[in-house]
Amino acid sequence: MLFFRSEEHLDRWLAPRGGERGAVLSLAEAWRLSKAWYPDRRCPEWTPRTIEQSQAVLDSVGLTGDFWLLKP
């Protein structure tokens, strides 16, 4: 994960590297994802999610499309 001031900053950083742009999240979107992804990790009864459950978390915060599609 890389942090940039703006999407324009990201584009300037990618240009000389020939990189491909992936998903871009705002800090607010990243915060929503983190709260949904890690709500109970420290709970003694915590168990890892299935791929389907993880996909449901991504979908629930609006992260949809090919980039966010989890594959088994």
N, C-alpha and C. Protein backbone atom coordinates (compact mmCIF):
# COMPACT_ATOMS: atom_id res chain seq x y z
N MET A 1 0.85 -1.15 0.00
CA MET A 1 0.00 0.00 0.00
C MET A 1 0.90 1.23 0.00
N LEU A 2 0.58 2.13 -0.88
CA LEU A 2 1.30 3.40 -0.97
C LEU A 2 0.32 4.54 -0.73
N PHE A 3 0.81 5.59 -0.13
CA PHE A 3 -0.02 6.76 0.15
C PHE A 3 0.44 7.94 -0.69
N PHE A 4 -0.51 8.65 -1.28
CA PHE A 4 -0.23 9.81 -2.11
C PHE A 4 -1.14 10.95 -1.71
N ARG A 5 -0.70 12.17 -1.97
CA ARG A 5 -1.49 13.35 -1.64
C ARG A 5 -2.74 13.47 -2.49
N SER A 6 -2.66 12.98 -3.72
CA SER A 6 -3.78 13.10 -4.65
C SER A 6 -3.60 12.07 -5.76
N GLU A 7 -4.64 11.92 -6.57
CA GLU A 7 -4.53 11.01 -7.70
C GLU A 7 -3.53 11.55 -8.72
N GLU A 8 -3.42 12.87 -8.83
CA GLU A 8 -2.43 13.46 -9.74
C GLU A 8 -1.02 13.12 -9.27
N HIS A 9 -0.81 13.15 -7.96
CA HIS A 9 0.50 12.78 -7.41
C HIS A 9 0.79 11.32 -7.75
N LEU A 10 -0.19 10.46 -7.61
CA LEU A 10 -0.04 9.05 -7.98
C LEU A 10 0.35 8.92 -9.45
N ASP A 11 -0.34 9.63 -10.33
CA ASP A 11 -0.04 9.56 -11.76
C ASP A 11 1.38 10.02 -12.05
N ARG A 12 1.84 11.08 -11.39
CA ARG A 12 3.22 11.56 -11.59
C ARG A 12 4.23 10.53 -11.10
N TRP A 13 3.90 9.83 -10.03
CA TRP A 13 4.80 8.81 -9.49
C TRP A 13 4.86 7.59 -10.42
N LEU A 14 3.71 7.23 -11.00
CA LEU A 14 3.65 6.06 -11.89
C LEU A 14 4.34 6.29 -13.23
N ALA A 15 4.23 7.49 -13.78
CA ALA A 15 4.68 7.78 -15.14
C ALA A 15 6.10 7.31 -15.43
N PRO A 16 7.11 7.69 -14.67
CA PRO A 16 8.47 7.27 -15.01
C PRO A 16 8.74 5.79 -14.71
N ARG A 17 7.86 5.18 -13.96
CA ARG A 17 8.06 3.79 -13.57
C ARG A 17 7.33 2.82 -14.48
N GLY A 18 6.45 3.33 -15.30
CA GLY A 18 5.67 2.47 -16.19
C GLY A 18 4.72 1.57 -15.43
N GLY A 19 4.35 1.99 -14.24
CA GLY A 19 3.48 1.17 -13.42
C GLY A 19 2.04 1.23 -13.85
N GLU A 20 1.30 0.27 -13.38
CA GLU A 20 -0.13 0.22 -13.68
C GLU A 20 -0.91 0.63 -12.44
N ARG A 21 -1.86 1.49 -12.62
CA ARG A 21 -2.67 1.97 -11.50
C ARG A 21 -3.60 0.87 -11.03
N GLY A 22 -3.61 0.65 -9.74
CA GLY A 22 -4.53 -0.30 -9.13
C GLY A 22 -5.72 0.44 -8.57
N ALA A 23 -6.24 -0.04 -7.48
CA ALA A 23 -7.37 0.63 -6.83
C ALA A 23 -6.86 1.83 -6.05
N VAL A 24 -7.67 2.86 -6.00
CA VAL A 24 -7.35 4.07 -5.25
C VAL A 24 -8.44 4.28 -4.22
N LEU A 25 -8.03 4.37 -2.97
CA LEU A 25 -8.98 4.60 -1.87
C LEU A 25 -8.67 5.93 -1.21
N SER A 26 -9.71 6.61 -0.80
CA SER A 26 -9.51 7.79 0.04
C SER A 26 -9.21 7.30 1.46
N LEU A 27 -8.74 8.19 2.31
CA LEU A 27 -8.51 7.80 3.70
C LEU A 27 -9.81 7.37 4.36
N ALA A 28 -10.91 8.03 4.04
CA ALA A 28 -12.20 7.65 4.61
C ALA A 28 -12.60 6.24 4.19
N GLU A 29 -12.37 5.90 2.94
CA GLU A 29 -12.69 4.54 2.47
C GLU A 29 -11.79 3.51 3.14
N ALA A 30 -10.51 3.82 3.27
CA ALA A 30 -9.58 2.90 3.94
C ALA A 30 -9.98 2.70 5.40
N TRP A 31 -10.42 3.77 6.05
CA TRP A 31 -10.87 3.67 7.44
C TRP A 31 -12.11 2.79 7.55
N ARG A 32 -13.09 2.99 6.64
CA ARG A 32 -14.29 2.14 6.66
C ARG A 32 -13.91 0.67 6.46
N LEU A 33 -13.00 0.42 5.53
CA LEU A 33 -12.57 -0.96 5.30
C LEU A 33 -11.89 -1.53 6.54
N SER A 34 -11.01 -0.78 7.16
CA SER A 34 -10.30 -1.30 8.33
C SER A 34 -11.26 -1.61 9.48
N LYS A 35 -12.25 -0.74 9.68
CA LYS A 35 -13.22 -1.01 10.75
C LYS A 35 -14.04 -2.25 10.46
N ALA A 36 -14.41 -2.46 9.21
CA ALA A 36 -15.19 -3.65 8.83
C ALA A 36 -14.33 -4.91 8.83
N TRP A 37 -13.06 -4.78 8.46
CA TRP A 37 -12.17 -5.94 8.31
C TRP A 37 -11.68 -6.46 9.66
N TYR A 38 -11.43 -5.55 10.61
CA TYR A 38 -10.82 -5.94 11.88
C TYR A 38 -11.69 -5.62 13.10
N PRO A 39 -12.97 -5.89 13.10
CA PRO A 39 -13.78 -5.49 14.24
C PRO A 39 -13.55 -6.32 15.49
N ASP A 40 -13.13 -7.57 15.35
CA ASP A 40 -13.07 -8.48 16.49
C ASP A 40 -11.80 -9.32 16.52
N ARG A 41 -10.77 -8.85 15.89
CA ARG A 41 -9.54 -9.66 15.76
C ARG A 41 -8.93 -10.03 17.12
N ARG A 42 -9.09 -9.20 18.12
CA ARG A 42 -8.50 -9.47 19.42
C ARG A 42 -9.41 -10.30 20.33
N CYS A 43 -10.59 -10.60 19.86
CA CYS A 43 -11.54 -11.41 20.62
C CYS A 43 -11.02 -12.86 20.69
N PRO A 44 -11.03 -13.48 21.87
CA PRO A 44 -10.52 -14.86 21.99
C PRO A 44 -11.24 -15.86 21.09
N GLU A 45 -12.49 -15.57 20.74
CA GLU A 45 -13.25 -16.50 19.89
C GLU A 45 -13.06 -16.24 18.40
N TRP A 46 -12.18 -15.29 18.05
CA TRP A 46 -11.98 -14.93 16.65
C TRP A 46 -11.51 -16.13 15.84
N THR A 47 -12.06 -16.27 14.65
CA THR A 47 -11.61 -17.28 13.69
C THR A 47 -11.47 -16.60 12.33
N PRO A 48 -10.56 -17.10 11.50
CA PRO A 48 -10.40 -16.49 10.17
C PRO A 48 -11.70 -16.61 9.37
N ARG A 49 -11.90 -15.65 8.49
CA ARG A 49 -13.08 -15.67 7.61
C ARG A 49 -12.85 -16.61 6.43
N THR A 50 -13.95 -17.05 5.88
CA THR A 50 -13.88 -17.76 4.61
C THR A 50 -13.70 -16.70 3.50
N ILE A 51 -13.38 -17.14 2.32
CA ILE A 51 -13.27 -16.21 1.19
C ILE A 51 -14.61 -15.52 0.95
N GLU A 52 -15.69 -16.27 1.08
CA GLU A 52 -17.01 -15.69 0.87
C GLU A 52 -17.32 -14.60 1.90
N GLN A 53 -16.95 -14.84 3.16
CA GLN A 53 -17.17 -13.85 4.20
C GLN A 53 -16.30 -12.61 3.97
N SER A 54 -15.06 -12.83 3.54
CA SER A 54 -14.18 -11.69 3.24
C SER A 54 -14.71 -10.88 2.07
N GLN A 55 -15.23 -11.57 1.06
CA GLN A 55 -15.82 -10.87 -0.08
C GLN A 55 -17.01 -10.04 0.36
N ALA A 56 -17.80 -10.59 1.28
CA ALA A 56 -18.97 -9.86 1.79
C ALA A 56 -18.55 -8.58 2.52
N VAL A 57 -17.42 -8.62 3.23
CA VAL A 57 -16.92 -7.42 3.91
C VAL A 57 -16.55 -6.37 2.87
N LEU A 58 -15.81 -6.76 1.85
CA LEU A 58 -15.43 -5.81 0.80
C LEU A 58 -16.67 -5.21 0.14
N ASP A 59 -17.61 -6.06 -0.18
CA ASP A 59 -18.85 -5.60 -0.81
C ASP A 59 -19.61 -4.63 0.10
N SER A 60 -19.60 -4.91 1.41
CA SER A 60 -20.37 -4.10 2.35
C SER A 60 -19.86 -2.66 2.46
N VAL A 61 -18.59 -2.45 2.15
CA VAL A 61 -18.05 -1.08 2.20
C VAL A 61 -17.93 -0.48 0.80
N GLY A 62 -18.55 -1.14 -0.18
CA GLY A 62 -18.61 -0.58 -1.52
C GLY A 62 -17.40 -0.87 -2.40
N LEU A 63 -16.55 -1.80 -1.99
CA LEU A 63 -15.38 -2.14 -2.81
C LEU A 63 -15.75 -3.32 -3.70
N THR A 64 -16.19 -2.99 -4.89
CA THR A 64 -16.67 -4.00 -5.83
C THR A 64 -15.90 -3.87 -7.13
N GLY A 65 -16.11 -4.77 -8.03
CA GLY A 65 -15.43 -4.76 -9.32
C GLY A 65 -14.31 -5.79 -9.35
N ASP A 66 -13.72 -5.94 -10.51
CA ASP A 66 -12.70 -6.97 -10.72
C ASP A 66 -11.53 -6.87 -9.75
N PHE A 67 -11.05 -5.66 -9.47
CA PHE A 67 -9.89 -5.51 -8.59
C PHE A 67 -10.17 -6.11 -7.21
N TRP A 68 -11.39 -5.98 -6.73
CA TRP A 68 -11.73 -6.39 -5.38
C TRP A 68 -12.30 -7.80 -5.32
N LEU A 69 -12.33 -8.50 -6.43
CA LEU A 69 -12.86 -9.87 -6.46
C LEU A 69 -11.82 -10.83 -5.90
N LEU A 70 -12.14 -11.47 -4.79
CA LEU A 70 -11.24 -12.43 -4.18
C LEU A 70 -11.38 -13.77 -4.90
N LYS A 71 -10.27 -14.38 -5.15
CA LYS A 71 -10.27 -15.66 -5.86
C LYS A 71 -9.72 -16.74 -4.94
N PRO A 72 -10.33 -17.90 -4.97
CA PRO A 72 -9.84 -19.00 -4.11
C PRO A 72 -8.46 -19.49 -4.52
